[in-house]
Amino acid sequence: MTRYAMALIGILIATSAFAQAPAPQAYDLQAVIAQTLAANPDIKASEQAVETAKTRIDEAKAQGRPQVTGQAGYSQLDEKPSFAVPGLGTMVFGKTDNPYANVALMWPLYTGGMVENMIKASRFGVDAAWQGYARQRQERAAEAAVAYYQALSAGRMIDVVKAQIATLEQAVHVATALQQQGIVAKVDVLRPTADLESARAQLVQAENGQQLALTNLKRIMNLPMETEIALQPSEPALTVPEAAAATTAALAARPEMQQLQAAQNALKAQAAAARGEGRPHVGLQAQYDLKRPTTYPDIGDWSIGIGISQTFSDGGRAKAHEQSAASQIKELQAKEEALKQGIAMQVTNGLLSVRAAEERLTATSAALATAEEAYRMAEASYKNQVGTITDVLAAQTALTNARAQQALAEFDKQTAIIQLHLALGDFPSS
């Protein structure tokens, strides 16, 4: 096979592999959040906690349902059971071999409220777990949104550095042409050339930063790290509420508030269930003997009855349980008060952060417009031999900084809005 043929085959293979490479998956903000809510492992763990809590309701209900048990066995006596009766001799009342088998039914009819309160406590436990799941969704969605904007911001920084490189390349080209004509000194070529190499190094750093941001985003979205994704810019469809009503709305919406209330109600129900253990319990008992030992009197196969039981002393267990529940309730009430204060502080900080971010964005937009005009004038002056290359490079540096500051300001505003709505307890809105 000739060298030409081998090269042609190599090109065809490379072209085919390139053609079959999957296109990057496109994600806007809504798609990022949807993927996170569907696949994030922390959310899945919280969802499973809800399912686990639901099983405890069935466990509690089972305490009040009929319980059926069966037993079977065999015993062998050393000799036939008998007893002596004066004047009558020895009376035998059984055999040495005694197999037995029976089925018994136990049905609690009244438990002093113990079972009912166990069920109630379990239901409040499900509510608490559900509120924890809801907050987990909010936090992971906000984390994904911030990571999404961080990756977009990293991409913007790459664009800024690339624009700087293009400008410096043009500056080197112009300076070289002027130097070749003997109009400017060689130093006018060396300065932009040095800045150009520095900008290319910054580009590598910016690209590494973007890869790290994308890796973090894929981790939150639970995507394989080899997945290629392309982010589509989109704004969060969120508004900034009035400061006066924001805290009240947050206290009503935050799942943690409802979670603490559900936990307190569960403890109250557990204490009531403990008190129920000390009340009289009534139950139905029934038994059917498939095989009775020969030593038992012949009273038929069926037996049924109603029994009542009363615990006069449990060693203080129920009272200790009730006191423990009361202590835990007070602890949760203190946490609830601390949470209220924390939410109020988070909302206040969120509103201030959004306001500061908006003001900063306005300022950076104005600074960018000024920097663009300053650079245009410096470049024109240099080409007309009125200004120096130092003026151009200084203006170009100021322009790059202005572009970077505006990109950061936009990221800060978007992040501040997301964090505010996380504090309000309504993110994501869908």
Protein backbone atom coordinates (compact mmCIF):
# COMPACT_ATOMS: atom_id res chain seq x y z
CA MET A 1 0.00 0.00 0.00
CA THR A 2 1.40 3.36 -0.99
CA ARG A 3 2.03 6.21 1.38
CA TYR A 4 -0.63 8.25 -0.43
CA ALA A 5 -3.26 5.52 0.07
CA MET A 6 -2.44 5.16 3.76
CA ALA A 7 -2.71 8.91 4.26
CA LEU A 8 -6.03 8.96 2.45
CA ILE A 9 -7.40 6.16 4.65
CA GLY A 10 -6.24 8.03 7.75
CA ILE A 11 -8.01 11.18 6.62
CA LEU A 12 -11.22 9.24 5.90
CA ILE A 13 -11.13 7.58 9.33
CA ALA A 14 -10.55 10.91 11.10
CA THR A 15 -13.31 12.56 9.06
CA SER A 16 -15.73 9.72 9.88
CA ALA A 17 -14.93 9.92 13.61
CA PHE A 18 -15.43 13.66 13.56
CA ALA A 19 -18.73 13.33 11.74
CA GLN A 20 -20.00 10.74 14.26
CA ALA A 21 -19.00 12.76 17.34
CA PRO A 22 -22.15 13.68 19.29
CA ALA A 23 -23.11 17.33 19.28
CA PRO A 24 -22.93 19.12 22.65
CA GLN A 25 -26.18 19.05 24.61
CA ALA A 26 -27.69 22.52 24.83
CA TYR A 27 -28.90 23.75 28.22
CA ASP A 28 -30.52 27.02 29.18
CA LEU A 29 -31.28 27.94 32.79
CA GLN A 30 -34.63 26.13 32.84
CA ALA A 31 -33.11 22.95 31.40
CA VAL A 32 -30.25 23.06 33.91
CA ILE A 33 -32.69 23.30 36.81
CA ALA A 34 -34.94 20.56 35.39
CA GLN A 35 -31.99 18.18 35.00
CA THR A 36 -30.80 18.95 38.52
CA LEU A 37 -34.22 18.35 40.07
CA ALA A 38 -34.53 15.06 38.19
CA ALA A 39 -31.07 13.61 38.80
CA ASN A 40 -29.24 15.28 41.70
CA PRO A 41 -28.33 12.58 44.28
CA ASP A 42 -28.99 14.84 47.28
CA ILE A 43 -32.55 15.37 46.04
CA LYS A 44 -32.99 11.64 45.46
CA ALA A 45 -31.82 10.96 49.02
CA SER A 46 -34.36 13.45 50.43
CA GLU A 47 -37.09 11.92 48.29
CA GLN A 48 -36.23 8.49 49.65
CA ALA A 49 -36.41 9.89 53.18
CA VAL A 50 -40.05 10.80 52.48
CA GLU A 51 -40.76 7.25 51.30
CA THR A 52 -39.08 5.85 54.40
CA ALA A 53 -41.21 8.09 56.61
CA LYS A 54 -44.35 6.82 54.85
CA THR A 55 -43.52 3.25 55.82
CA ARG A 56 -43.67 4.25 59.48
CA ILE A 57 -47.37 5.07 59.04
CA ASP A 58 -48.01 1.47 58.01
CA GLU A 59 -45.91 0.26 60.94
CA ALA A 60 -48.05 2.31 63.33
CA LYS A 61 -51.30 1.15 61.74
CA ALA A 62 -50.17 -2.44 62.06
CA GLN A 63 -50.19 -2.03 65.87
CA GLY A 64 -54.00 -1.78 65.79
CA ARG A 65 -54.68 -4.54 63.27
CA PRO A 66 -55.46 -8.20 64.03
CA GLN A 67 -52.37 -10.32 64.61
CA VAL A 68 -52.54 -13.98 63.61
CA THR A 69 -49.96 -16.45 64.86
CA GLY A 70 -49.57 -20.17 64.52
CA GLN A 71 -47.55 -22.68 66.45
CA ALA A 72 -46.88 -26.38 66.25
CA GLY A 73 -44.75 -28.74 68.25
CA TYR A 74 -44.26 -32.17 69.72
CA SER A 75 -43.46 -33.38 73.23
CA GLN A 76 -42.77 -36.88 74.53
CA LEU A 77 -43.33 -37.84 78.15
CA ASP A 78 -41.24 -40.36 80.02
CA GLU A 79 -44.36 -42.36 80.77
CA LYS A 80 -48.08 -42.04 80.42
CA PRO A 81 -49.46 -39.31 82.66
CA SER A 82 -51.52 -40.81 85.48
CA PHE A 83 -52.47 -40.40 89.12
CA ALA A 84 -53.53 -42.83 91.81
CA VAL A 85 -57.04 -42.76 93.30
CA PRO A 86 -57.50 -44.65 96.54
CA GLY A 87 -59.84 -47.50 96.02
CA LEU A 88 -59.92 -47.06 92.28
CA GLY A 89 -56.33 -47.66 91.27
CA THR A 90 -54.28 -45.70 88.78
CA MET A 91 -56.06 -43.32 86.39
CA VAL A 92 -54.32 -42.56 83.05
CA PHE A 93 -55.22 -39.15 81.49
CA GLY A 94 -52.96 -38.91 78.46
CA LYS A 95 -50.38 -40.42 76.18
CA THR A 96 -46.61 -40.23 76.10
CA ASP A 97 -46.62 -38.75 72.53
CA ASN A 98 -48.20 -35.29 72.38
CA PRO A 99 -48.14 -33.35 69.08
CA TYR A 100 -49.92 -29.99 69.03
CA ALA A 101 -50.82 -27.25 66.52
CA ASN A 102 -52.99 -24.15 66.80
CA VAL A 103 -53.77 -20.79 65.19
CA ALA A 104 -54.35 -17.76 67.46
CA LEU A 105 -55.85 -14.33 66.78
CA MET A 106 -55.10 -11.16 68.79
CA TRP A 107 -57.07 -8.03 67.90
CA PRO A 108 -56.53 -4.83 69.90
CA LEU A 109 -59.94 -3.17 70.25
CA TYR A 110 -58.89 -0.24 72.43
CA THR A 111 -55.36 0.96 73.26
CA GLY A 112 -56.06 4.15 75.19
CA GLY A 113 -55.19 6.30 72.17
CA MET A 114 -51.71 4.78 71.84
CA VAL A 115 -52.12 3.46 68.28
CA GLU A 116 -54.03 6.51 67.06
CA ASN A 117 -51.32 8.85 68.29
CA MET A 118 -48.56 6.65 66.87
CA ILE A 119 -50.24 6.97 63.47
CA LYS A 120 -50.62 10.72 63.93
CA ALA A 121 -46.95 11.09 64.89
CA SER A 122 -45.92 9.10 61.80
CA ARG A 123 -48.00 11.31 59.54
CA PHE A 124 -46.41 14.43 60.99
CA GLY A 125 -43.05 12.72 60.38
CA VAL A 126 -43.95 12.35 56.70
CA ASP A 127 -44.88 16.04 56.55
CA ALA A 128 -41.53 17.00 58.13
CA ALA A 129 -39.64 14.78 55.68
CA TRP A 130 -41.59 16.25 52.77
CA GLN A 131 -40.72 19.81 53.80
CA GLY A 132 -37.07 18.80 54.05
CA TYR A 133 -37.31 17.37 50.54
CA ALA A 134 -38.88 20.61 49.28
CA ARG A 135 -36.05 22.70 50.75
CA GLN A 136 -33.45 20.34 49.33
CA ARG A 137 -34.94 20.90 45.87
CA GLN A 138 -34.80 24.68 46.35
CA GLU A 139 -31.20 24.67 47.53
CA ARG A 140 -29.92 22.34 44.80
CA ALA A 141 -31.82 24.27 42.11
CA ALA A 142 -30.30 27.55 43.33
CA GLU A 143 -26.85 25.94 43.48
CA ALA A 144 -27.28 24.75 39.88
CA ALA A 145 -28.46 28.19 38.74
CA VAL A 146 -25.45 29.90 40.34
CA ALA A 147 -23.10 27.33 38.79
CA TYR A 148 -24.78 27.89 35.43
CA TYR A 149 -24.16 31.64 35.60
CA GLN A 150 -20.65 31.07 36.88
CA ALA A 151 -19.91 28.95 33.79
CA LEU A 152 -21.47 31.60 31.55
CA SER A 153 -19.41 34.28 33.29
CA ALA A 154 -16.27 32.21 32.74
CA GLY A 155 -17.18 32.03 29.05
CA ARG A 156 -17.62 35.80 28.99
CA MET A 157 -14.14 36.22 30.47
CA ILE A 158 -12.76 34.11 27.63
CA ASP A 159 -14.47 36.43 25.14
CA VAL A 160 -13.01 39.45 26.93
CA VAL A 161 -9.49 38.05 26.81
CA LYS A 162 -9.91 37.02 23.16
CA ALA A 163 -11.01 40.57 22.32
CA GLN A 164 -7.95 41.85 24.16
CA ILE A 165 -5.73 39.49 22.15
CA ALA A 166 -7.28 40.64 18.89
CA THR A 167 -6.73 44.26 19.87
CA LEU A 168 -3.12 43.62 20.88
CA GLU A 169 -2.45 41.72 17.67
CA GLN A 170 -3.72 44.75 15.77
CA ALA A 171 -1.57 47.03 17.94
CA VAL A 172 1.50 44.89 17.20
CA HIS A 173 0.67 44.93 13.49
CA VAL A 174 0.28 48.73 13.42
CA ALA A 175 3.39 49.33 15.54
CA THR A 176 5.45 46.96 13.38
CA ALA A 177 4.37 48.75 10.22
CA LEU A 178 5.21 52.14 11.71
CA GLN A 179 8.56 50.87 13.00
CA GLN A 180 9.46 49.47 9.59
CA GLN A 181 8.74 52.92 8.16
CA GLY A 182 11.04 54.42 10.75
CA ILE A 183 8.25 56.42 12.31
CA VAL A 184 8.32 54.81 15.79
CA ALA A 185 11.01 53.15 17.87
CA LYS A 186 11.35 49.37 18.32
CA VAL A 187 10.13 49.70 21.91
CA ASP A 188 6.69 50.54 20.51
CA VAL A 189 6.63 47.03 19.03
CA LEU A 190 8.08 45.26 22.07
CA ARG A 191 5.56 46.66 24.55
CA PRO A 192 2.37 45.41 22.81
CA THR A 193 4.14 42.16 21.95
CA ALA A 194 4.87 41.52 25.64
CA ASP A 195 1.29 42.38 26.54
CA LEU A 196 0.06 40.04 23.81
CA GLU A 197 1.97 37.08 25.26
CA SER A 198 0.61 37.91 28.71
CA ALA A 199 -2.93 38.03 27.33
CA ARG A 200 -2.46 34.61 25.71
CA ALA A 201 -1.42 33.21 29.08
CA GLN A 202 -4.53 34.79 30.61
CA LEU A 203 -6.62 33.07 27.93
CA VAL A 204 -5.32 29.68 29.05
CA GLN A 205 -6.26 30.53 32.64
CA ALA A 206 -9.72 31.70 31.56
CA GLU A 207 -10.30 28.50 29.58
CA ASN A 208 -9.23 26.41 32.59
CA GLY A 209 -11.62 28.42 34.74
CA GLN A 210 -14.46 27.69 32.36
CA GLN A 211 -13.69 23.96 32.39
CA LEU A 212 -13.73 23.93 36.19
CA ALA A 213 -17.05 25.79 36.19
CA LEU A 214 -18.55 23.34 33.70
CA THR A 215 -17.25 20.38 35.71
CA ASN A 216 -18.91 21.74 38.84
CA LEU A 217 -22.16 22.30 36.95
CA LYS A 218 -22.16 18.75 35.57
CA ARG A 219 -21.56 17.44 39.10
CA ILE A 220 -24.61 19.26 40.40
CA MET A 221 -26.69 18.13 37.39
CA ASN A 222 -25.39 14.55 37.90
CA LEU A 223 -24.18 14.33 34.31
CA PRO A 224 -21.24 12.14 33.27
CA MET A 225 -18.08 14.25 33.23
CA GLU A 226 -17.42 13.31 29.61
CA THR A 227 -20.73 14.84 28.54
CA GLU A 228 -20.28 17.81 26.24
CA ILE A 229 -22.68 20.63 27.10
CA ALA A 230 -23.30 24.04 25.55
CA LEU A 231 -24.89 26.72 27.70
CA GLN A 232 -27.45 29.05 26.19
CA PRO A 233 -27.70 32.43 27.96
CA SER A 234 -31.04 33.11 29.64
CA GLU A 235 -32.27 35.39 32.39
CA PRO A 236 -34.00 34.11 35.54
CA ALA A 237 -37.71 34.90 35.29
CA LEU A 238 -37.73 36.42 38.77
CA THR A 239 -38.81 39.74 40.16
CA VAL A 240 -37.61 41.68 43.18
CA PRO A 241 -40.42 41.95 45.77
CA GLU A 242 -41.25 44.91 47.95
CA ALA A 243 -39.08 44.99 51.06
CA ALA A 244 -42.02 45.47 53.45
CA ALA A 245 -43.77 42.23 52.47
CA ALA A 246 -40.70 40.13 51.67
CA THR A 247 -39.98 38.81 55.18
CA THR A 248 -43.63 37.95 55.85
CA ALA A 249 -43.81 36.08 52.56
CA ALA A 250 -40.59 34.22 53.33
CA LEU A 251 -41.80 33.09 56.78
CA ALA A 252 -44.96 31.71 55.18
CA ALA A 253 -43.20 30.00 52.28
CA ARG A 254 -39.98 28.59 53.71
CA PRO A 255 -40.27 24.79 54.08
CA GLU A 256 -38.03 24.79 57.17
CA MET A 257 -40.68 26.66 59.15
CA GLN A 258 -43.31 24.07 58.30
CA GLN A 259 -40.80 21.29 58.90
CA LEU A 260 -40.15 22.48 62.46
CA GLN A 261 -43.89 22.78 63.13
CA ALA A 262 -44.50 19.25 61.85
CA ALA A 263 -41.67 17.94 64.04
CA GLN A 264 -43.22 19.59 67.12
CA ASN A 265 -46.61 18.09 66.33
CA ALA A 266 -45.00 14.66 65.91
CA LEU A 267 -43.40 14.93 69.35
CA LYS A 268 -46.73 15.92 70.92
CA ALA A 269 -48.37 12.88 69.34
CA GLN A 270 -45.55 10.63 70.58
CA ALA A 271 -46.06 11.93 74.12
CA ALA A 272 -49.80 11.22 73.84
CA ALA A 273 -49.03 7.70 72.59
CA ALA A 274 -46.78 7.14 75.62
CA ARG A 275 -49.61 8.22 77.93
CA GLY A 276 -51.90 5.80 76.12
CA GLU A 277 -49.68 2.90 77.13
CA GLY A 278 -50.66 3.51 80.75
CA ARG A 279 -54.41 3.36 80.07
CA PRO A 280 -56.49 0.15 80.01
CA HIS A 281 -56.15 -1.89 76.83
CA VAL A 282 -58.91 -4.13 75.54
CA GLY A 283 -58.34 -6.94 73.07
CA LEU A 284 -60.11 -9.83 71.40
CA GLN A 285 -58.44 -13.24 71.66
CA ALA A 286 -59.40 -16.32 69.67
CA GLN A 287 -57.70 -19.67 69.12
CA TYR A 288 -58.34 -22.76 67.04
CA ASP A 289 -56.59 -25.99 67.97
CA LEU A 290 -55.82 -28.23 65.04
CA LYS A 291 -54.19 -30.72 67.39
CA ARG A 292 -54.33 -30.62 71.18
CA PRO A 293 -52.00 -32.45 73.59
CA THR A 294 -53.65 -35.53 75.08
CA THR A 295 -52.98 -34.19 78.55
CA TYR A 296 -55.36 -31.26 77.98
CA PRO A 297 -59.00 -31.62 78.90
CA ASP A 298 -61.40 -32.01 75.98
CA ILE A 299 -62.99 -28.53 75.76
CA GLY A 300 -63.45 -28.37 71.99
CA ASP A 301 -61.32 -26.90 69.23
CA TRP A 302 -62.36 -23.26 69.51
CA SER A 303 -61.80 -20.70 72.27
CA ILE A 304 -62.63 -17.00 72.12
CA GLY A 305 -62.70 -14.19 74.64
CA ILE A 306 -62.14 -10.53 75.43
CA GLY A 307 -59.37 -9.46 77.74
CA ILE A 308 -58.48 -6.21 79.47
CA SER A 309 -55.01 -5.27 80.63
CA GLN A 310 -53.82 -2.41 82.78
CA THR A 311 -50.22 -1.39 83.43
CA PHE A 312 -49.95 -0.12 86.98
CA SER A 313 -46.26 0.71 86.79
CA ASP A 314 -43.84 0.81 83.89
CA GLY A 315 -40.91 1.99 85.94
CA GLY A 316 -41.49 5.60 84.86
CA ARG A 317 -40.84 4.88 81.18
CA ALA A 318 -43.96 6.66 79.85
CA LYS A 319 -43.39 9.70 82.08
CA ALA A 320 -39.76 9.91 81.00
CA HIS A 321 -40.83 9.68 77.35
CA GLU A 322 -43.34 12.49 77.85
CA GLN A 323 -40.75 14.68 79.58
CA SER A 324 -38.24 14.01 76.81
CA ALA A 325 -40.80 15.00 74.18
CA ALA A 326 -41.62 18.21 76.08
CA SER A 327 -37.93 19.07 76.29
CA GLN A 328 -37.42 18.43 72.57
CA ILE A 329 -40.45 20.58 71.75
CA LYS A 330 -38.92 23.49 73.68
CA GLU A 331 -35.68 22.96 71.79
CA LEU A 332 -37.52 23.05 68.45
CA GLN A 333 -39.40 26.18 69.51
CA ALA A 334 -36.07 27.89 70.22
CA LYS A 335 -34.78 26.75 66.82
CA GLU A 336 -37.94 28.08 65.22
CA GLU A 337 -37.37 31.51 66.74
CA ALA A 338 -33.73 31.47 65.61
CA LEU A 339 -34.84 30.40 62.13
CA LYS A 340 -37.28 33.32 61.94
CA GLN A 341 -34.49 35.74 62.77
CA GLY A 342 -32.18 34.05 60.28
CA ILE A 343 -34.76 34.21 57.50
CA ALA A 344 -35.39 37.90 58.17
CA MET A 345 -31.64 38.54 57.97
CA GLN A 346 -31.29 36.49 54.76
CA VAL A 347 -34.13 38.38 53.10
CA THR A 348 -32.70 41.74 54.15
CA ASN A 349 -29.23 40.79 52.90
CA GLY A 350 -30.76 39.49 49.68
CA LEU A 351 -32.60 42.73 48.97
CA LEU A 352 -29.50 44.79 49.71
CA SER A 353 -27.34 42.53 47.53
CA VAL A 354 -29.73 42.87 44.59
CA ARG A 355 -29.82 46.64 44.97
CA ALA A 356 -26.02 46.86 45.20
CA ALA A 357 -25.63 44.57 42.18
CA GLU A 358 -28.00 46.68 40.10
CA GLU A 359 -26.12 49.87 41.02
CA ARG A 360 -22.80 48.22 40.24
CA LEU A 361 -24.07 47.03 36.85
CA THR A 362 -25.21 50.55 36.00
CA ALA A 363 -21.81 51.94 37.00
CA THR A 364 -19.84 49.32 35.06
CA SER A 365 -21.96 49.87 31.95
CA ALA A 366 -21.14 53.59 32.07
CA ALA A 367 -17.46 52.83 32.73
CA LEU A 368 -17.39 50.45 29.76
CA ALA A 369 -18.81 53.07 27.42
CA THR A 370 -16.18 55.56 28.63
CA ALA A 371 -13.37 53.02 28.25
CA GLU A 372 -14.46 52.14 24.71
CA GLU A 373 -14.42 55.80 23.71
CA ALA A 374 -11.07 56.39 25.41
CA TYR A 375 -9.52 53.47 23.58
CA ARG A 376 -10.92 54.62 20.25
CA MET A 377 -9.40 58.07 20.76
CA ALA A 378 -6.03 56.70 21.92
CA GLU A 379 -5.79 54.36 18.93
CA ALA A 380 -6.67 57.15 16.51
CA SER A 381 -4.10 59.47 18.11
CA TYR A 382 -1.39 56.83 17.83
CA LYS A 383 -2.15 56.11 14.18
CA ASN A 384 -1.98 59.85 13.53
CA GLN A 385 1.31 60.00 15.46
CA VAL A 386 -0.18 62.30 18.07
CA GLY A 387 -0.27 59.81 20.93
CA THR A 388 2.13 57.09 22.11
CA ILE A 389 1.86 53.30 22.21
CA THR A 390 1.83 53.62 25.98
CA ASP A 391 -1.40 55.61 25.76
CA VAL A 392 -2.94 52.92 23.54
CA LEU A 393 -1.92 50.07 25.84
CA ALA A 394 -3.17 51.92 28.91
CA ALA A 395 -6.50 52.56 27.22
CA GLN A 396 -6.67 48.97 26.06
CA THR A 397 -5.98 47.68 29.59
CA ALA A 398 -8.70 49.96 30.97
CA LEU A 399 -11.12 48.66 28.33
CA THR A 400 -10.37 45.03 29.18
CA ASN A 401 -10.87 45.74 32.87
CA ALA A 402 -14.16 47.50 32.16
CA ARG A 403 -15.42 44.54 30.12
CA ALA A 404 -14.41 42.11 32.86
CA GLN A 405 -16.04 44.24 35.55
CA GLN A 406 -19.29 44.42 33.60
CA ALA A 407 -19.32 40.62 33.13
CA LEU A 408 -18.75 40.15 36.87
CA ALA A 409 -21.45 42.71 37.67
CA GLU A 410 -23.96 40.84 35.51
CA PHE A 411 -23.04 37.57 37.24
CA ASP A 412 -23.37 39.21 40.67
CA LYS A 413 -26.83 40.57 39.83
CA GLN A 414 -28.12 37.22 38.57
CA THR A 415 -26.65 35.42 41.57
CA ALA A 416 -28.08 37.98 43.99
CA ILE A 417 -31.58 37.58 42.54
CA ILE A 418 -31.35 33.78 42.82
CA GLN A 419 -30.11 33.94 46.41
CA LEU A 420 -32.89 36.38 47.29
CA HIS A 421 -35.56 34.02 46.02
CA LEU A 422 -33.88 31.12 47.78
CA ALA A 423 -34.22 33.18 50.99
CA LEU A 424 -37.87 33.85 50.11
CA GLY A 425 -38.47 30.11 49.67
CA ASP A 426 -39.94 30.32 46.16
CA PHE A 427 -37.02 29.18 43.97
CA PRO A 428 -37.51 27.65 41.50
CA SER A 429 -40.88 29.19 40.80
CA SER A 430 -42.13 26.20 38.76
